[in-house]
């Protein structure tokens, strides 16, 4: 699965989230922003910003 951070445009490392599902919260390891998974279709994952982070 692949998630692009809407803030910094880098790939979010999803290795730490093996049971990823809709409405889960993940953090971008590049910019620290908190994201909520909104859709998972095939290999593409989309998310919205929940908290601006660090």
PDB file of N, CA and C in Angstrom:
ATOM      1  N   UNK A   1       0.839  -1.180   0.000  1.00  0.00           N
ATOM      2  CA  UNK A   1       0.000   0.000   0.000  1.00  0.00           C
ATOM      3  C   UNK A   1       0.883   1.243   0.000  1.00  0.00           C
ATOM      4  N   UNK A   2       0.367   2.300  -0.575  1.00  0.00           N
ATOM      5  CA  UNK A   2       1.136   3.527  -0.712  1.00  0.00           C
ATOM      6  C   UNK A   2       0.289   4.721  -0.293  1.00  0.00           C
ATOM      7  N   UNK A   3       0.875   5.562   0.555  1.00  0.00           N
ATOM      8  CA  UNK A   3       0.224   6.788   1.003  1.00  0.00           C
ATOM      9  C   UNK A   3       1.197   7.936   0.814  1.00  0.00           C
ATOM     10  N   UNK A   4       0.760   8.965   0.113  1.00  0.00           N
ATOM     11  CA  UNK A   4       1.539  10.183  -0.075  1.00  0.00           C
ATOM     12  C   UNK A   4       1.014  11.228   0.912  1.00  0.00           C
ATOM     13  N   UNK A   5       1.909  11.797   1.707  1.00  0.00           N
ATOM     14  CA  UNK A   5       1.513  12.819   2.678  1.00  0.00           C
ATOM     15  C   UNK A   5       0.990  14.056   1.942  1.00  0.00           C
ATOM     16  N   UNK A   6      -0.219  14.501   2.284  1.00  0.00           N
ATOM     17  CA  UNK A   6      -0.765  15.690   1.606  1.00  0.00           C
ATOM     18  C   UNK A   6      -0.026  16.976   1.975  1.00  0.00           C
ATOM     19  N   UNK A   7       0.748  16.958   3.038  1.00  0.00           N
ATOM     20  CA  UNK A   7       1.473  18.143   3.481  1.00  0.00           C
ATOM     21  C   UNK A   7       2.851  18.253   2.831  1.00  0.00           C
ATOM     22  N   UNK A   8       3.701  17.222   2.990  1.00  0.00           N
ATOM     23  CA  UNK A   8       5.079  17.310   2.500  1.00  0.00           C
ATOM     24  C   UNK A   8       5.304  16.553   1.190  1.00  0.00           C
ATOM     25  N   UNK A   9       4.293  15.820   0.724  1.00  0.00           N
ATOM     26  CA  UNK A   9       4.327  15.091  -0.558  1.00  0.00           C
ATOM     27  C   UNK A   9       5.318  13.926  -0.577  1.00  0.00           C
ATOM     28  N   UNK A  10       5.773  13.465   0.583  1.00  0.00           N
ATOM     29  CA  UNK A  10       6.648  12.302   0.674  1.00  0.00           C
ATOM     30  C   UNK A  10       5.818  11.052   0.938  1.00  0.00           C
ATOM     31  N   UNK A  11       6.399   9.892   0.663  1.00  0.00           N
ATOM     32  CA  UNK A  11       5.747   8.630   0.989  1.00  0.00           C
ATOM     33  C   UNK A  11       5.713   8.452   2.497  1.00  0.00           C
ATOM     34  N   UNK A  12       4.560   8.041   3.020  1.00  0.00           N
ATOM     35  CA  UNK A  12       4.432   7.736   4.440  1.00  0.00           C
ATOM     36  C   UNK A  12       4.788   6.263   4.622  1.00  0.00           C
ATOM     37  N   UNK A  13       5.674   5.980   5.561  1.00  0.00           N
ATOM     38  CA  UNK A  13       6.094   4.611   5.833  1.00  0.00           C
ATOM     39  C   UNK A  13       4.991   3.899   6.615  1.00  0.00           C
ATOM     40  N   UNK A  14       4.317   2.949   5.969  1.00  0.00           N
ATOM     41  CA  UNK A  14       3.192   2.245   6.583  1.00  0.00           C
ATOM     42  C   UNK A  14       3.611   0.918   7.208  1.00  0.00           C
ATOM     43  N   UNK A  15       4.906   0.651   7.303  1.00  0.00           N
ATOM     44  CA  UNK A  15       5.410  -0.594   7.880  1.00  0.00           C
ATOM     45  C   UNK A  15       4.951  -0.764   9.331  1.00  0.00           C
ATOM     46  N   UNK A  16       4.856   0.330  10.068  1.00  0.00           N
ATOM     47  CA  UNK A  16       4.449   0.269  11.472  1.00  0.00           C
ATOM     48  C   UNK A  16       2.942   0.098  11.653  1.00  0.00           C
ATOM     49  N   UNK A  17       2.196   0.012  10.571  1.00  0.00           N
ATOM     50  CA  UNK A  17       0.736  -0.104  10.628  1.00  0.00           C
ATOM     51  C   UNK A  17       0.293  -1.335   9.834  1.00  0.00           C
ATOM     52  N   UNK A  18       0.563  -2.554  10.347  1.00  0.00           N
ATOM     53  CA  UNK A  18       0.269  -3.781   9.578  1.00  0.00           C
ATOM     54  C   UNK A  18      -1.226  -4.046   9.368  1.00  0.00           C
ATOM     55  N   UNK A  19      -2.080  -3.581  10.271  1.00  0.00           N
ATOM     56  CA  UNK A  19      -3.516  -3.825  10.163  1.00  0.00           C
ATOM     57  C   UNK A  19      -4.257  -2.540   9.820  1.00  0.00           C
ATOM     58  N   UNK A  20      -3.737  -1.803   8.868  1.00  0.00           N
ATOM     59  CA  UNK A  20      -4.285  -0.514   8.485  1.00  0.00           C
ATOM     60  C   UNK A  20      -5.716  -0.652   7.981  1.00  0.00           C
ATOM     61  N   UNK A  21      -6.596   0.226   8.456  1.00  0.00           N
ATOM     62  CA  UNK A  21      -7.995   0.230   8.045  1.00  0.00           C
ATOM     63  C   UNK A  21      -8.491   1.676   7.984  1.00  0.00           C
ATOM     64  N   UNK A  22      -9.633   1.866   7.359  1.00  0.00           N
ATOM     65  CA  UNK A  22     -10.238   3.187   7.267  1.00  0.00           C
ATOM     66  C   UNK A  22     -10.460   3.746   8.675  1.00  0.00           C
ATOM     67  N   UNK A  23     -10.242   5.032   8.848  1.00  0.00           N
ATOM     68  CA  UNK A  23     -10.370   5.780  10.101  1.00  0.00           C
ATOM     69  C   UNK A  23      -9.208   5.571  11.066  1.00  0.00           C
ATOM     70  N   UNK A  24      -8.175   4.793  10.686  1.00  0.00           N
ATOM     71  CA  UNK A  24      -6.972   4.679  11.509  1.00  0.00           C
ATOM     72  C   UNK A  24      -6.183   5.980  11.420  1.00  0.00           C
ATOM     73  N   UNK A  25      -5.424   6.260  12.462  1.00  0.00           N
ATOM     74  CA  UNK A  25      -4.574   7.443  12.514  1.00  0.00           C
ATOM     75  C   UNK A  25      -3.128   7.008  12.284  1.00  0.00           C
ATOM     76  N   UNK A  26      -2.438   7.706  11.375  1.00  0.00           N
ATOM     77  CA  UNK A  26      -1.027   7.444  11.104  1.00  0.00           C
ATOM     78  C   UNK A  26      -0.273   8.766  11.170  1.00  0.00           C
ATOM     79  N   UNK A  27       1.032   8.673  11.319  1.00  0.00           N
ATOM     80  CA  UNK A  27       1.866   9.874  11.368  1.00  0.00           C
ATOM     81  C   UNK A  27       2.911   9.823  10.272  1.00  0.00           C
ATOM     82  N   UNK A  28       3.071  10.924   9.578  1.00  0.00           N
ATOM     83  CA  UNK A  28       4.119  11.027   8.561  1.00  0.00           C
ATOM     84  C   UNK A  28       5.456  11.135   9.274  1.00  0.00           C
ATOM     85  N   UNK A  29       6.376  10.228   8.954  1.00  0.00           N
ATOM     86  CA  UNK A  29       7.674  10.241   9.614  1.00  0.00           C
ATOM     87  C   UNK A  29       8.589  11.351   9.095  1.00  0.00           C
ATOM     88  N   UNK A  30       8.205  12.004   8.014  1.00  0.00           N
ATOM     89  CA  UNK A  30       9.023  13.092   7.465  1.00  0.00           C
ATOM     90  C   UNK A  30       8.662  14.442   8.095  1.00  0.00           C
ATOM     91  N   UNK A  31       7.372  14.782   8.144  1.00  0.00           N
ATOM     92  CA  UNK A  31       6.980  16.106   8.634  1.00  0.00           C
ATOM     93  C   UNK A  31       6.253  16.056   9.978  1.00  0.00           C
ATOM     94  N   UNK A  32       5.870  14.862  10.452  1.00  0.00           N
ATOM     95  CA  UNK A  32       5.239  14.724  11.761  1.00  0.00           C
ATOM     96  C   UNK A  32       3.752  14.999  11.792  1.00  0.00           C
ATOM     97  N   UNK A  33       3.159  15.235  10.650  1.00  0.00           N
ATOM     98  CA  UNK A  33       1.732  15.529  10.597  1.00  0.00           C
ATOM     99  C   UNK A  33       0.922  14.253  10.879  1.00  0.00           C
ATOM    100  N   UNK A  34      -0.216  14.393  11.547  1.00  0.00           N
ATOM    101  CA  UNK A  34      -1.079  13.261  11.857  1.00  0.00           C
ATOM    102  C   UNK A  34      -2.176  13.182  10.802  1.00  0.00           C
ATOM    103  N   UNK A  35      -2.374  11.981  10.270  1.00  0.00           N
ATOM    104  CA  UNK A  35      -3.331  11.764   9.189  1.00  0.00           C
ATOM    105  C   UNK A  35      -4.338  10.690   9.565  1.00  0.00           C
ATOM    106  N   UNK A  36      -5.579  10.842   9.093  1.00  0.00           N
ATOM    107  CA  UNK A  36      -6.597   9.813   9.262  1.00  0.00           C
ATOM    108  C   UNK A  36      -6.875   9.191   7.903  1.00  0.00           C
ATOM    109  N   UNK A  37      -6.805   7.868   7.850  1.00  0.00           N
ATOM    110  CA  UNK A  37      -7.058   7.144   6.605  1.00  0.00           C
ATOM    111  C   UNK A  37      -8.526   7.325   6.219  1.00  0.00           C
ATOM    112  N   UNK A  38      -8.762   7.816   4.995  1.00  0.00           N
ATOM    113  CA  UNK A  38     -10.133   8.048   4.539  1.00  0.00           C
ATOM    114  C   UNK A  38     -10.599   7.036   3.507  1.00  0.00           C
ATOM    115  N   UNK A  39      -9.655   6.442   2.773  1.00  0.00           N
ATOM    116  CA  UNK A  39     -10.040   5.471   1.746  1.00  0.00           C
ATOM    117  C   UNK A  39      -8.861   4.561   1.439  1.00  0.00           C
ATOM    118  N   UNK A  40      -9.173   3.311   1.169  1.00  0.00           N
ATOM    119  CA  UNK A  40      -8.150   2.336   0.794  1.00  0.00           C
ATOM    120  C   UNK A  40      -8.687   1.555  -0.399  1.00  0.00           C
ATOM    121  N   UNK A  41      -8.159   1.889  -1.574  1.00  0.00           N
ATOM    122  CA  UNK A  41      -8.605   1.227  -2.790  1.00  0.00           C
ATOM    123  C   UNK A  41      -7.406   0.621  -3.497  1.00  0.00           C
ATOM    124  N   UNK A  42      -7.343  -0.686  -3.534  1.00  0.00           N
ATOM    125  CA  UNK A  42      -6.197  -1.362  -4.135  1.00  0.00           C
ATOM    126  C   UNK A  42      -4.942  -1.059  -3.358  1.00  0.00           C
ATOM    127  N   UNK A  43      -3.927  -0.570  -4.043  1.00  0.00           N
ATOM    128  CA  UNK A  43      -2.662  -0.215  -3.389  1.00  0.00           C
ATOM    129  C   UNK A  43      -2.613   1.257  -2.977  1.00  0.00           C
ATOM    130  N   UNK A  44      -3.623   2.046  -3.372  1.00  0.00           N
ATOM    131  CA  UNK A  44      -3.638   3.470  -3.052  1.00  0.00           C
ATOM    132  C   UNK A  44      -4.407   3.735  -1.761  1.00  0.00           C
ATOM    133  N   UNK A  45      -3.790   4.512  -0.887  1.00  0.00           N
ATOM    134  CA  UNK A  45      -4.406   4.906   0.376  1.00  0.00           C
ATOM    135  C   UNK A  45      -4.518   6.423   0.365  1.00  0.00           C
ATOM    136  N   UNK A  46      -5.672   6.949   0.778  1.00  0.00           N
ATOM    137  CA  UNK A  46      -5.831   8.394   0.888  1.00  0.00           C
ATOM    138  C   UNK A  46      -6.104   8.749   2.338  1.00  0.00           C
ATOM    139  N   UNK A  47      -5.696   9.957   2.724  1.00  0.00           N
ATOM    140  CA  UNK A  47      -5.830  10.385   4.101  1.00  0.00           C
ATOM    141  C   UNK A  47      -6.084  11.884   4.150  1.00  0.00           C
ATOM    142  N   UNK A  48      -6.669  12.317   5.281  1.00  0.00           N
ATOM    143  CA  UNK A  48      -6.861  13.739   5.504  1.00  0.00           C
ATOM    144  C   UNK A  48      -6.091  14.147   6.748  1.00  0.00           C
ATOM    145  N   UNK A  49      -5.736  15.422   6.801  1.00  0.00           N
ATOM    146  CA  UNK A  49      -4.952  15.952   7.902  1.00  0.00           C
ATOM    147  C   UNK A  49      -5.834  16.059   9.148  1.00  0.00           C
ATOM    148  N   UNK A  50      -5.325  15.509  10.267  1.00  0.00           N
ATOM    149  CA  UNK A  50      -6.030  15.595  11.539  1.00  0.00           C
ATOM    150  C   UNK A  50      -5.372  16.619  12.436  1.00  0.00           C
ATOM    151  N   UNK A  51      -4.030  16.632  12.457  1.00  0.00           N
ATOM    152  CA  UNK A  51      -3.279  17.537  13.309  1.00  0.00           C
ATOM    153  C   UNK A  51      -2.014  17.954  12.575  1.00  0.00           C
ATOM    154  N   UNK A  52      -1.661  19.218  12.677  1.00  0.00           N
ATOM    155  CA  UNK A  52      -0.512  19.752  11.945  1.00  0.00           C
ATOM    156  C   UNK A  52       0.827  19.200  12.399  1.00  0.00           C
ATOM    157  N   UNK A  53       0.910  18.580  13.554  1.00  0.00           N
ATOM    158  CA  UNK A  53       2.134  17.904  13.962  1.00  0.00           C
ATOM    159  C   UNK A  53       3.142  18.809  14.630  1.00  0.00           C
ATOM    160  N   UNK A  54       4.413  18.445  14.472  1.00  0.00           N
ATOM    161  CA  UNK A  54       5.528  19.072  15.191  1.00  0.00           C
ATOM    162  C   UNK A  54       5.803  20.478  14.739  1.00  0.00           C
TER     163      UNK A  54
END
